[in-house]
Protein backbone atom coordinates (compact mmCIF):
# COMPACT_ATOMS: atom_id res chain seq x y z
CA UNK A 1 84.03 174.34 82.69
CA UNK A 2 85.68 175.25 86.00
CA UNK A 3 84.85 173.22 89.10
CA UNK A 4 83.12 176.13 90.85
CA UNK A 5 80.90 176.64 87.82
CA UNK A 6 79.93 172.97 88.00
CA UNK A 7 79.21 173.35 91.71
CA UNK A 8 76.84 176.23 90.92
CA UNK A 9 74.98 174.15 88.30
CA UNK A 10 74.55 171.29 90.75
CA UNK A 11 73.58 173.61 93.57
CA UNK A 12 70.97 175.45 91.50
CA UNK A 13 69.54 172.21 90.17
CA UNK A 14 69.10 170.74 93.64
CA UNK A 15 67.56 173.97 94.97
CA UNK A 16 65.07 174.03 92.08
CA UNK A 17 63.91 170.58 93.17
CA UNK A 18 63.13 171.91 96.64
CA UNK A 19 66.31 170.91 98.47
CA UNK A 20 68.19 173.03 100.99
CA UNK A 21 71.83 173.23 99.93
CA UNK A 22 74.80 174.32 102.02
CA UNK A 23 78.18 174.78 100.37
CA UNK A 24 81.18 173.75 102.50
CA UNK A 25 84.66 174.55 101.13
CA UNK A 26 87.49 172.22 102.12
CA UNK A 27 90.71 173.84 103.28
CA UNK A 28 93.82 172.42 104.88
CA UNK A 29 92.89 173.91 108.28
CA UNK A 30 90.31 171.13 108.65
CA UNK A 31 87.52 173.45 109.81
CA UNK A 32 85.17 171.83 107.30
CA UNK A 33 85.13 168.68 109.45
CA UNK A 34 83.36 170.43 112.33
CA UNK A 35 80.83 171.95 109.93
CA UNK A 36 80.13 168.49 108.55
CA UNK A 37 79.78 167.02 112.03
CA UNK A 38 77.29 169.63 113.19
CA UNK A 39 75.36 169.96 109.93
CA UNK A 40 72.94 167.01 110.18
CA UNK A 41 72.98 166.60 106.41
CA UNK A 42 70.96 164.00 104.53
CA UNK A 43 73.65 163.62 101.87
CA UNK A 44 76.90 165.31 100.86
CA UNK A 45 77.35 165.98 97.16
CA UNK A 46 81.11 165.47 96.98
CA UNK A 47 82.82 167.80 94.55
CA UNK A 48 86.22 167.88 96.25
CA UNK A 49 89.08 167.13 93.85
CA UNK A 50 91.87 167.88 96.29
CA UNK A 51 93.00 170.59 98.69
CA UNK A 52 95.29 173.43 97.62
CA UNK A 53 95.80 171.65 94.29
CA UNK A 54 96.97 168.41 95.91
CA UNK A 55 94.97 165.53 94.42
CA UNK A 56 96.15 163.07 97.09
CA UNK A 57 94.14 165.02 99.69
CA UNK A 58 90.87 164.14 97.97
CA UNK A 59 90.47 160.66 99.55
CA UNK A 60 90.97 161.94 103.14
CA UNK A 61 88.04 164.34 102.66
CA UNK A 62 85.86 161.40 101.62
CA UNK A 63 87.17 159.43 104.60
CA UNK A 64 85.87 162.20 106.89
CA UNK A 65 82.39 161.69 105.48
CA UNK A 66 82.71 157.95 106.04
CA UNK A 67 83.92 158.43 109.60
CA UNK A 68 81.06 160.81 110.43
CA UNK A 69 78.52 158.48 108.83
CA UNK A 70 77.29 161.08 106.33
CA UNK A 71 75.92 159.60 103.09
CA UNK A 72 77.79 161.02 100.10
CA UNK A 73 77.86 160.87 96.33
CA UNK A 74 80.54 159.23 94.26
CA UNK A 75 83.18 156.66 95.10
CA UNK A 76 84.55 155.67 98.51
CA UNK A 77 87.87 156.93 99.87
CA UNK A 78 89.37 153.50 99.14
CA UNK A 79 88.30 153.47 95.49
CA UNK A 80 89.27 157.10 94.93
CA UNK A 81 92.70 156.59 96.47
CA UNK A 82 93.26 153.42 94.46
CA UNK A 83 92.27 154.96 91.13
CA UNK A 84 94.42 158.01 91.78
CA UNK A 85 97.51 155.78 91.77
CA UNK A 86 97.64 154.59 88.18
CA UNK A 87 100.34 151.97 88.68
CA UNK A 88 98.50 150.39 91.61
CA UNK A 89 95.17 150.16 89.80
CA UNK A 90 96.99 148.86 86.71
CA UNK A 91 98.46 146.03 88.77
CA UNK A 92 95.06 145.18 90.24
CA UNK A 93 93.32 145.14 86.87
CA UNK A 94 96.10 143.13 85.23
CA UNK A 95 95.96 140.52 87.98
CA UNK A 96 92.23 140.21 87.32
CA UNK A 97 92.95 139.41 83.66
CA UNK A 98 91.81 142.77 82.30
CA UNK A 99 93.70 144.35 79.38
CA UNK A 100 96.14 147.09 80.47
CA UNK A 101 99.00 148.31 78.25
CA UNK A 102 102.47 147.33 79.53
CA UNK A 103 103.87 149.83 82.04
CA UNK A 104 106.57 150.51 84.60
CA UNK A 105 107.04 153.24 87.21
CA UNK A 106 110.13 155.32 87.84
CA UNK A 107 111.15 157.44 90.84
CA UNK A 108 114.02 159.89 91.11
CA UNK A 109 117.26 158.03 90.64
CA UNK A 110 115.46 154.94 89.36
CA UNK A 111 116.27 152.93 86.29
CA UNK A 112 114.49 154.01 83.12
CA UNK A 113 113.45 150.99 81.07
CA UNK A 114 111.53 150.66 77.84
CA UNK A 115 108.07 149.14 77.49
CA UNK A 116 108.22 149.48 73.72
CA UNK A 117 107.64 152.45 71.45
CA UNK A 118 105.81 154.68 71.11
CA UNK A 119 105.39 155.16 74.87
CA UNK A 120 103.62 157.76 76.96
CA UNK A 121 104.96 159.25 80.20
CA UNK A 122 102.47 160.39 82.85
CA UNK A 123 102.47 161.34 86.53
CA UNK A 124 101.76 158.21 88.56
CA UNK A 125 99.30 159.89 90.94
CA UNK A 126 97.49 162.81 89.33
CA UNK A 127 94.15 163.28 87.60
CA UNK A 128 92.50 165.80 85.22
CA UNK A 129 95.27 165.06 82.65
CA UNK A 130 97.78 167.04 84.72
CA UNK A 131 101.26 166.55 83.27
CA UNK A 132 100.01 165.18 79.96
CA UNK A 133 100.98 167.10 76.82
CA UNK A 134 102.13 166.40 73.29
CA UNK A 135 105.70 165.85 74.53
CA UNK A 136 104.42 163.05 76.77
CA UNK A 137 104.53 160.59 73.85
CA UNK A 138 108.02 159.49 72.84
CA UNK A 139 109.45 157.32 70.08
CA UNK A 140 113.06 156.74 71.16
CA UNK A 141 115.09 155.86 74.24
CA UNK A 142 116.72 159.29 74.19
CA UNK A 143 113.38 161.08 74.11
CA UNK A 144 112.07 158.77 76.84
CA UNK A 145 114.94 159.60 79.17
CA UNK A 146 114.59 163.31 78.55
CA UNK A 147 110.88 163.26 79.23
CA UNK A 148 111.12 161.15 82.38
CA UNK A 149 113.89 163.34 83.82
CA UNK A 150 111.87 166.47 83.07
CA UNK A 151 108.74 165.02 84.69
CA UNK A 152 110.61 163.92 87.81
CA UNK A 153 111.54 167.54 88.45
CA UNK A 154 107.86 168.17 89.26
CA UNK A 155 106.51 164.76 90.26
CA UNK A 156 107.80 162.16 92.73
CA UNK A 157 106.94 159.22 90.49
CA UNK A 158 105.99 158.75 86.85
CA UNK A 159 104.53 155.91 84.87
CA UNK A 160 105.89 154.83 81.48
CA UNK A 161 103.23 153.04 79.48
CA UNK A 162 103.04 151.62 75.99
CA UNK A 163 101.10 153.99 73.73
CA UNK A 164 98.20 152.25 71.99
CA UNK A 165 97.35 153.44 68.51
CA UNK A 166 93.62 153.33 67.89
CA UNK A 167 90.24 154.77 68.75
CA UNK A 168 89.76 156.34 72.19
CA UNK A 169 86.56 155.62 74.10
CA UNK A 170 84.98 157.02 77.25
CA UNK A 171 82.55 154.69 79.01
CA UNK A 172 80.32 156.20 81.67
CA UNK A 173 78.85 154.21 84.54
CA UNK A 174 76.07 155.32 86.90
CA UNK A 175 75.20 152.79 89.58
CA UNK A 176 75.27 149.45 87.77
CA UNK A 177 74.27 150.95 84.42
CA UNK A 178 76.72 151.48 81.55
CA UNK A 179 75.80 154.57 79.54
CA UNK A 180 76.09 154.87 75.75
CA UNK A 181 79.75 154.87 74.71
CA UNK A 182 81.39 158.13 73.69
CA UNK A 183 84.39 158.33 71.34
CA UNK A 184 87.00 161.06 71.23
CA UNK A 185 87.30 161.86 67.53
CA UNK A 186 90.70 163.25 66.55
CA UNK A 187 89.93 163.98 62.90
CA UNK A 188 90.66 167.71 63.31
CA UNK A 189 93.85 167.33 65.33
CA UNK A 190 96.59 169.42 63.64
CA UNK A 191 99.02 167.46 61.52
CA UNK A 192 102.01 166.18 63.44
CA UNK A 193 100.24 166.12 66.80
CA UNK A 194 99.59 162.95 68.77
CA UNK A 195 95.97 161.91 69.02
CA UNK A 196 95.72 162.14 72.80
CA UNK A 197 93.67 164.04 75.35
CA UNK A 198 96.05 166.51 76.99
CA UNK A 199 95.68 169.00 79.81
CA UNK A 200 95.32 171.77 77.20
CA UNK A 201 92.58 169.94 75.33
CA UNK A 202 90.60 169.53 78.56
CA UNK A 203 91.01 172.94 80.12
CA UNK A 204 91.97 175.46 77.40
CA UNK A 205 88.73 175.96 75.52
CA UNK A 206 89.07 176.76 71.84
CA UNK A 207 92.74 175.78 71.51
CA UNK A 208 93.91 173.61 68.63
CA UNK A 209 94.02 170.46 70.76
CA UNK A 210 90.55 171.12 72.17
CA UNK A 211 89.08 171.56 68.68
CA UNK A 212 91.02 168.51 67.51
CA UNK A 213 89.58 166.13 70.13
CA UNK A 214 85.81 166.15 69.90
CA UNK A 215 83.54 163.69 71.78
CA UNK A 216 80.97 161.84 69.71
CA UNK A 217 78.17 159.96 71.45
CA UNK A 218 77.00 157.40 70.70
CA UNK A 219 80.19 156.04 69.19
CA UNK A 220 79.85 154.21 65.89
CA UNK A 221 81.26 150.84 66.89
CA UNK A 222 80.71 147.24 65.78
CA UNK A 223 78.33 145.49 68.17
CA UNK A 224 80.99 143.02 69.29
CA UNK A 225 83.49 145.76 70.08
CA UNK A 226 80.94 147.86 71.95
CA UNK A 227 79.78 144.89 74.01
CA UNK A 228 83.34 143.92 74.98
CA UNK A 229 84.29 147.51 75.83
CA UNK A 230 81.27 147.83 78.14
CA UNK A 231 82.02 144.48 79.77
CA UNK A 232 85.65 145.40 80.43
CA UNK A 233 84.71 148.84 81.78
CA UNK A 234 82.09 147.49 84.18
CA UNK A 235 84.40 144.73 85.40
CA UNK A 236 87.21 147.23 85.96
CA UNK A 237 84.86 149.39 88.04
CA UNK A 238 83.84 146.37 90.10
CA UNK A 239 87.45 145.36 90.65
CA UNK A 240 88.25 148.72 92.27
CA UNK A 241 85.16 148.52 94.48
CA UNK A 242 83.45 151.32 92.60
CA UNK A 243 80.09 152.81 93.51
CA UNK A 244 78.16 155.89 92.47
CA UNK A 245 79.44 156.96 89.07
CA UNK A 246 82.62 156.67 87.02
CA UNK A 247 84.22 156.99 83.63
CA UNK A 248 86.55 154.36 82.19
CA UNK A 249 88.84 155.51 79.37
CA UNK A 250 90.23 153.01 76.90
CA UNK A 251 91.73 152.55 73.48
CA UNK A 252 90.57 150.09 70.83
CA UNK A 253 93.47 148.72 68.80
CA UNK A 254 93.45 147.65 65.16
CA UNK A 255 92.26 144.16 66.15
CA UNK A 256 89.24 145.57 67.97
CA UNK A 257 90.68 144.77 71.40
CA UNK A 258 90.07 147.23 74.26
CA UNK A 259 92.92 148.50 76.45
CA UNK A 260 92.18 150.29 79.73
CA UNK A 261 93.89 153.65 80.05
CA UNK A 262 92.30 154.88 83.26
CA UNK A 263 89.50 154.23 85.72
CA UNK A 264 88.30 157.68 86.77
CA UNK A 265 86.48 157.49 90.10
CA UNK A 266 85.66 161.21 90.13
CA UNK A 267 85.05 162.25 86.51
CA UNK A 268 84.01 165.71 85.40
CA UNK A 269 80.28 166.00 86.10
CA UNK A 270 79.74 169.42 84.49
CA UNK A 271 76.62 169.73 82.30
CA UNK A 272 78.81 170.04 79.19
CA UNK A 273 81.21 167.23 80.17
CA UNK A 274 81.37 163.69 78.86
CA UNK A 275 79.39 161.86 81.54
CA UNK A 276 76.45 164.25 81.33
CA UNK A 277 76.54 163.98 77.54
CA UNK A 278 76.45 160.18 77.68
CA UNK A 279 73.57 160.31 80.15
CA UNK A 280 71.63 162.66 77.89
CA UNK A 281 71.95 160.23 74.97
CA UNK A 282 70.51 157.60 77.34
CA UNK A 283 67.53 159.90 77.97
CA UNK A 284 68.68 161.19 81.37
CA UNK A 285 68.59 164.99 81.61
CA UNK A 286 71.12 166.78 83.81
CA UNK A 287 68.77 167.43 86.73
CA UNK A 288 67.65 163.81 86.75
CA UNK A 289 71.29 162.67 86.64
CA UNK A 290 72.14 164.80 89.68
CA UNK A 291 69.13 163.42 91.53
CA UNK A 292 70.04 159.84 90.64
CA UNK A 293 73.60 160.36 91.88
CA UNK A 294 72.25 161.70 95.18
CA UNK A 295 69.86 158.78 95.53
CA UNK A 296 72.71 156.32 94.98
CA UNK A 297 74.67 158.00 97.78
CA UNK A 298 71.70 157.90 100.15
CA UNK A 299 71.04 154.25 99.32
CA UNK A 300 74.65 153.31 100.07
CA UNK A 301 74.40 155.21 103.37
CA UNK A 302 71.33 153.18 104.35
CA UNK A 303 73.06 149.95 103.46
CA UNK A 304 76.03 150.96 105.60
CA UNK A 305 73.84 151.58 108.67
CA UNK A 306 72.40 148.09 108.24
CA UNK A 307 75.83 146.47 108.55
CA UNK A 308 76.58 144.66 111.83
CA UNK A 309 78.75 146.33 114.45
CA UNK A 310 82.25 145.89 113.05
CA UNK A 311 84.04 145.42 116.39
CA UNK A 312 81.47 142.97 117.73
CA UNK A 313 81.54 141.04 114.44
CA UNK A 314 85.33 140.81 114.57
CA UNK A 315 85.15 139.36 118.08
CA UNK A 316 82.46 136.90 117.04
CA UNK A 317 84.46 135.70 114.03
CA UNK A 318 87.49 135.30 116.31
CA UNK A 319 85.54 132.96 118.57
CA UNK A 320 85.34 135.44 121.46
CA UNK A 321 82.15 135.94 123.50
CA UNK A 322 80.38 139.23 122.79
CA UNK A 323 78.65 140.95 125.75
CA UNK A 324 74.93 141.64 125.34
CA UNK A 325 75.49 145.33 126.02
CA UNK A 326 78.88 146.76 125.18
CA UNK A 327 78.98 150.56 124.84
CA UNK A 328 82.77 150.44 124.61
CA UNK A 329 82.52 148.34 121.47
CA UNK A 330 80.07 150.78 119.96
CA UNK A 331 82.47 153.63 120.69
CA UNK A 332 85.36 151.90 118.97
CA UNK A 333 83.15 151.07 115.99
CA UNK A 334 82.39 154.75 115.60
CA UNK A 335 78.66 154.40 116.21
CA UNK A 336 76.43 156.33 118.59
CA UNK A 337 73.03 155.38 119.85
C-alpha cells in the first residue's frame, strides 16, 4: 500500500472517532514549519518518511516537532536518525552484547573486504528495502566487488554484512509491549532465488518475490526461541532510545540463535502491513492501534513538559547559582510562559 493510501486510512479512522484532522505535507521549502507552529495541535501523527525521496530528511522533520513542543507519534529524531544508519546502530547493538551479523562499510574508493560468504550488500542509510534485490546476495569475492562498485554508483556508502541462512522474523513493538511474532515464509519463492525481502517483494504487489515471501502470524516457534527473540528485540529497541512503535527484523539460524537485521523506527503502519497484522493477532483492531499510538505520543509530550528547565538544570549541575526569575534562560531552553 502506498504511503498516501495509509495516510487516508489513518485520517479517516481518526475522524470517525470524532477528531479534527489537518493534513500537512512536508516539502523542502520548509513552509510546513510555520503551519505546525500556528496550528495549536494536540498531537502530530507523523507519517513523514523523507522529503523528495531523501530518507535522511525524515529526522529533521521530527526535530521540528520536538523544537516546537508538539506531541507526536513514533520515534524521536535521535532514534530515527540512528536507526536509519545501519552501520551505526549495528555498532551500538554489538557493543551492548546483542547479536548482529558481522559487517563492514565501504565508501567510494574504499577497500572492499570480506565478512564471509554468502554476504549481502545494502545501502548504509536507506529504508523501505531500497537498494535490496536478488543480486544483493553474493557468494564470491568477484561478485562482491561487482555488487559494491555498482551500488556505490548510486549510494555514498554501503554495508557488507554476512548473510544468515535461516528463518526470518518480524517483531512488532507498541509502547513497552511486544506483539505476537510474525515470520516471513519463503516456501513459494521461485527456485534459485534468495530467501530475502527485497524492494520488489515489498512494493510490487503480485510479483513472484511478493508471492514468495508471505507473512505468517503468529509464527510457529519453539517457546525458548520465541522468548529469546522477543527479549533481543525489546532490548535492541531500548538501546536505540525507542518510543512509540517499531519493528525489529531478525533471522534465526540453525542453532535457534537470533541475529538482528534491522531496527525499524518507522515501520509500515498500513492496515495490511506487518505491524497492523501482528496487532490484530493480539486482539488490537486497526482503529484501536491508531488511537493507542496517538495516546503514546501525547503521553510522551506530557512527560517532556514535566522535565526541568534544561538550561537552568545545566547551570545547577555545574555548581552555578540560578536566578529565581530568568526569562533569558527560558528563551534559550525553547520554552515560553
